[in-house]
Amino acid sequence: MPNRQDPRKNALDELDRVFDSPVLAVLAEKARLDLLKELAILGRADVKTLSDLLPQHTTVISRHLKALHQAGLLRRTKKERWVYYEIDGQEWIRIFREMLEAIEHTVDVCDCGDEPRSQ
């Protein structure tokens, strides 16, 4: 007889996979959120421009940008000797849509709807 897993366990495993993404860890740091705000305002910027606007040292900003880029939240383009960063809006939408779909599926499968549970 085939071994069938509980659909609730499958949904929760998928939720674990989605939330184990480096995106949430990267976004948990305020300095990175501040960087993202500046990039949202500027559209595209290099490390020097961002370090002029933020209190962190250039090397710290560079590390934060690298982490955001590796998580898939930023696009990076090189022009001559300068590297420019910008928010990858389509990737943000894809990542958070995947998270939302996993949450919705888990709520449906686990019967975690709006009905209050009796004590």
C-alpha atoms as a PDB file:
ATOM      1  CA  MET A   1       0.000   0.000   0.000  1.00  0.00           C
ATOM      2  CA  PRO A   2       1.469   3.440  -0.915  1.00  0.00           C
ATOM      3  CA  ASN A   3       2.510   5.715   1.905  1.00  0.00           C
ATOM      4  CA  ARG A   4       0.322   8.809   1.660  1.00  0.00           C
ATOM      5  CA  GLN A   5       1.262  11.856   3.633  1.00  0.00           C
ATOM      6  CA  ASP A   6      -1.254  13.977   5.462  1.00  0.00           C
ATOM      7  CA  PRO A   7      -2.162  16.998   3.250  1.00  0.00           C
ATOM      8  CA  ARG A   8      -1.818  19.230   6.333  1.00  0.00           C
ATOM      9  CA  LYS A   9       1.751  18.069   6.844  1.00  0.00           C
ATOM     10  CA  ASN A  10       2.497  18.703   3.162  1.00  0.00           C
ATOM     11  CA  ALA A  11       1.044  22.219   3.420  1.00  0.00           C
ATOM     12  CA  LEU A  12       3.028  22.960   6.576  1.00  0.00           C
ATOM     13  CA  ASP A  13       6.218  21.575   5.013  1.00  0.00           C
ATOM     14  CA  GLU A  14       5.678  23.878   2.027  1.00  0.00           C
ATOM     15  CA  LEU A  15       5.091  26.803   4.387  1.00  0.00           C
ATOM     16  CA  ASP A  16       8.355  25.959   6.183  1.00  0.00           C
ATOM     17  CA  ARG A  17      10.186  25.879   2.850  1.00  0.00           C
ATOM     18  CA  VAL A  18       8.786  29.227   1.756  1.00  0.00           C
ATOM     19  CA  PHE A  19       9.462  30.953   5.071  1.00  0.00           C
ATOM     20  CA  ASP A  20      12.957  29.507   5.318  1.00  0.00           C
ATOM     21  CA  SER A  21      13.825  31.815   2.432  1.00  0.00           C
ATOM     22  CA  PRO A  22      16.794  34.142   2.945  1.00  0.00           C
ATOM     23  CA  VAL A  23      14.464  37.029   2.062  1.00  0.00           C
ATOM     24  CA  LEU A  24      12.871  37.231   5.499  1.00  0.00           C
ATOM     25  CA  ALA A  25      16.221  37.079   7.278  1.00  0.00           C
ATOM     26  CA  VAL A  26      17.593  39.822   5.036  1.00  0.00           C
ATOM     27  CA  LEU A  27      14.553  42.039   5.603  1.00  0.00           C
ATOM     28  CA  ALA A  28      14.742  41.620   9.382  1.00  0.00           C
ATOM     29  CA  GLU A  29      17.548  44.168   9.630  1.00  0.00           C
ATOM     30  CA  LYS A  30      16.524  47.828   9.856  1.00  0.00           C
ATOM     31  CA  ALA A  31      19.626  49.097   8.049  1.00  0.00           C
ATOM     32  CA  ARG A  32      18.650  47.037   5.015  1.00  0.00           C
ATOM     33  CA  LEU A  33      15.115  48.394   5.103  1.00  0.00           C
ATOM     34  CA  ASP A  34      16.576  51.908   5.174  1.00  0.00           C
ATOM     35  CA  LEU A  35      18.682  51.025   2.128  1.00  0.00           C
ATOM     36  CA  LEU A  36      15.601  49.755   0.318  1.00  0.00           C
ATOM     37  CA  LYS A  37      13.735  52.981   1.121  1.00  0.00           C
ATOM     38  CA  GLU A  38      16.548  55.052  -0.359  1.00  0.00           C
ATOM     39  CA  LEU A  39      16.655  52.860  -3.458  1.00  0.00           C
ATOM     40  CA  ALA A  40      12.884  53.188  -3.825  1.00  0.00           C
ATOM     41  CA  ILE A  41      13.290  56.969  -3.801  1.00  0.00           C
ATOM     42  CA  LEU A  42      16.377  57.104  -6.034  1.00  0.00           C
ATOM     43  CA  GLY A  43      15.440  54.289  -8.399  1.00  0.00           C
ATOM     44  CA  ARG A  44      19.054  53.271  -8.910  1.00  0.00           C
ATOM     45  CA  ALA A  45      22.207  54.086  -6.973  1.00  0.00           C
ATOM     46  CA  ASP A  46      25.769  53.053  -6.305  1.00  0.00           C
ATOM     47  CA  VAL A  47      27.352  52.384  -2.910  1.00  0.00           C
ATOM     48  CA  LYS A  48      28.898  55.866  -2.707  1.00  0.00           C
ATOM     49  CA  THR A  49      25.572  57.618  -3.281  1.00  0.00           C
ATOM     50  CA  LEU A  50      23.882  55.480  -0.642  1.00  0.00           C
ATOM     51  CA  SER A  51      26.716  55.969   1.856  1.00  0.00           C
ATOM     52  CA  ASP A  52      26.294  59.740   1.497  1.00  0.00           C
ATOM     53  CA  LEU A  53      22.646  59.349   2.565  1.00  0.00           C
ATOM     54  CA  LEU A  54      22.955  56.777   5.332  1.00  0.00           C
ATOM     55  CA  PRO A  55      24.963  56.690   8.577  1.00  0.00           C
ATOM     56  CA  GLN A  56      26.703  53.370   7.896  1.00  0.00           C
ATOM     57  CA  HIS A  57      30.210  53.092   6.506  1.00  0.00           C
ATOM     58  CA  THR A  58      30.572  52.298   2.807  1.00  0.00           C
ATOM     59  CA  THR A  59      31.809  48.758   3.519  1.00  0.00           C
ATOM     60  CA  VAL A  60      28.757  48.032   5.692  1.00  0.00           C
ATOM     61  CA  ILE A  61      26.403  49.371   3.026  1.00  0.00           C
ATOM     62  CA  SER A  62      28.196  47.283   0.422  1.00  0.00           C
ATOM     63  CA  ARG A  63      27.691  44.141   2.547  1.00  0.00           C
ATOM     64  CA  HIS A  64      23.992  44.929   3.007  1.00  0.00           C
ATOM     65  CA  LEU A  65      23.554  45.471  -0.734  1.00  0.00           C
ATOM     66  CA  LYS A  66      25.285  42.172  -1.440  1.00  0.00           C
ATOM     67  CA  ALA A  67      22.921  40.342   0.954  1.00  0.00           C
ATOM     68  CA  LEU A  68      19.855  41.990  -0.599  1.00  0.00           C
ATOM     69  CA  HIS A  69      21.113  41.113  -4.075  1.00  0.00           C
ATOM     70  CA  GLN A  70      21.836  37.487  -3.139  1.00  0.00           C
ATOM     71  CA  ALA A  71      18.307  37.198  -1.705  1.00  0.00           C
ATOM     72  CA  GLY A  72      16.982  38.272  -5.109  1.00  0.00           C
ATOM     73  CA  LEU A  73      15.584  41.619  -4.004  1.00  0.00           C
ATOM     74  CA  LEU A  74      17.966  43.844  -5.971  1.00  0.00           C
ATOM     75  CA  ARG A  75      19.267  43.950  -9.515  1.00  0.00           C
ATOM     76  CA  ARG A  76      22.898  44.809  -9.971  1.00  0.00           C
ATOM     77  CA  THR A  77      24.387  46.384 -13.074  1.00  0.00           C
ATOM     78  CA  LYS A  78      27.981  47.308 -13.720  1.00  0.00           C
ATOM     79  CA  LYS A  79      28.845  50.330 -15.813  1.00  0.00           C
ATOM     80  CA  GLU A  80      32.565  50.854 -16.268  1.00  0.00           C
ATOM     81  CA  ARG A  81      33.956  50.692 -12.725  1.00  0.00           C
ATOM     82  CA  TRP A  82      30.706  51.537 -10.950  1.00  0.00           C
ATOM     83  CA  VAL A  83      28.127  49.038  -9.715  1.00  0.00           C
ATOM     84  CA  TYR A  84      24.534  50.224  -9.512  1.00  0.00           C
ATOM     85  CA  TYR A  85      21.724  48.644  -7.514  1.00  0.00           C
ATOM     86  CA  GLU A  86      17.986  48.895  -7.978  1.00  0.00           C
ATOM     87  CA  ILE A  87      14.962  47.136  -6.554  1.00  0.00           C
ATOM     88  CA  ASP A  88      13.798  44.151  -8.595  1.00  0.00           C
ATOM     89  CA  GLY A  89      10.064  44.768  -8.265  1.00  0.00           C
ATOM     90  CA  GLN A  90       8.983  41.738 -10.290  1.00  0.00           C
ATOM     91  CA  GLU A  91      11.075  39.427  -8.127  1.00  0.00           C
ATOM     92  CA  TRP A  92       9.568  40.971  -4.968  1.00  0.00           C
ATOM     93  CA  ILE A  93       6.098  40.273  -6.337  1.00  0.00           C
ATOM     94  CA  ARG A  94       7.025  36.684  -7.222  1.00  0.00           C
ATOM     95  CA  ILE A  95       8.599  35.978  -3.812  1.00  0.00           C
ATOM     96  CA  PHE A  96       5.773  37.442  -1.753  1.00  0.00           C
ATOM     97  CA  ARG A  97       3.093  35.933  -3.995  1.00  0.00           C
ATOM     98  CA  GLU A  98       4.663  32.515  -3.375  1.00  0.00           C
ATOM     99  CA  MET A  99       4.576  33.186   0.378  1.00  0.00           C
ATOM    100  CA  LEU A 100       0.962  34.338   0.252  1.00  0.00           C
ATOM    101  CA  GLU A 101      -0.083  31.298  -1.791  1.00  0.00           C
ATOM    102  CA  ALA A 102       1.600  28.979   0.723  1.00  0.00           C
ATOM    103  CA  ILE A 103      -0.207  30.726   3.591  1.00  0.00           C
ATOM    104  CA  GLU A 104      -3.564  30.554   1.797  1.00  0.00           C
ATOM    105  CA  HIS A 105      -3.076  26.877   0.988  1.00  0.00           C
ATOM    106  CA  THR A 106      -2.136  26.080   4.593  1.00  0.00           C
ATOM    107  CA  VAL A 107      -5.163  27.974   5.924  1.00  0.00           C
ATOM    108  CA  ASP A 108      -7.433  26.066   3.530  1.00  0.00           C
ATOM    109  CA  VAL A 109      -5.949  22.632   4.201  1.00  0.00           C
ATOM    110  CA  CYS A 110      -5.602  23.062   7.959  1.00  0.00           C
ATOM    111  CA  ASP A 111      -9.072  24.560   8.308  1.00  0.00           C
ATOM    112  CA  CYS A 112      -7.654  27.707   9.917  1.00  0.00           C
ATOM    113  CA  GLY A 113     -10.427  29.922   8.584  1.00  0.00           C
ATOM    114  CA  ASP A 114     -12.418  32.705  10.192  1.00  0.00           C
ATOM    115  CA  GLU A 115     -14.491  30.455  12.431  1.00  0.00           C
ATOM    116  CA  PRO A 116     -13.436  30.721  16.088  1.00  0.00           C
ATOM    117  CA  ARG A 117     -12.419  27.415  17.584  1.00  0.00           C
ATOM    118  CA  SER A 118     -14.168  26.228  20.730  1.00  0.00           C
ATOM    119  CA  GLN A 119     -12.003  25.956  23.812  1.00  0.00           C
END
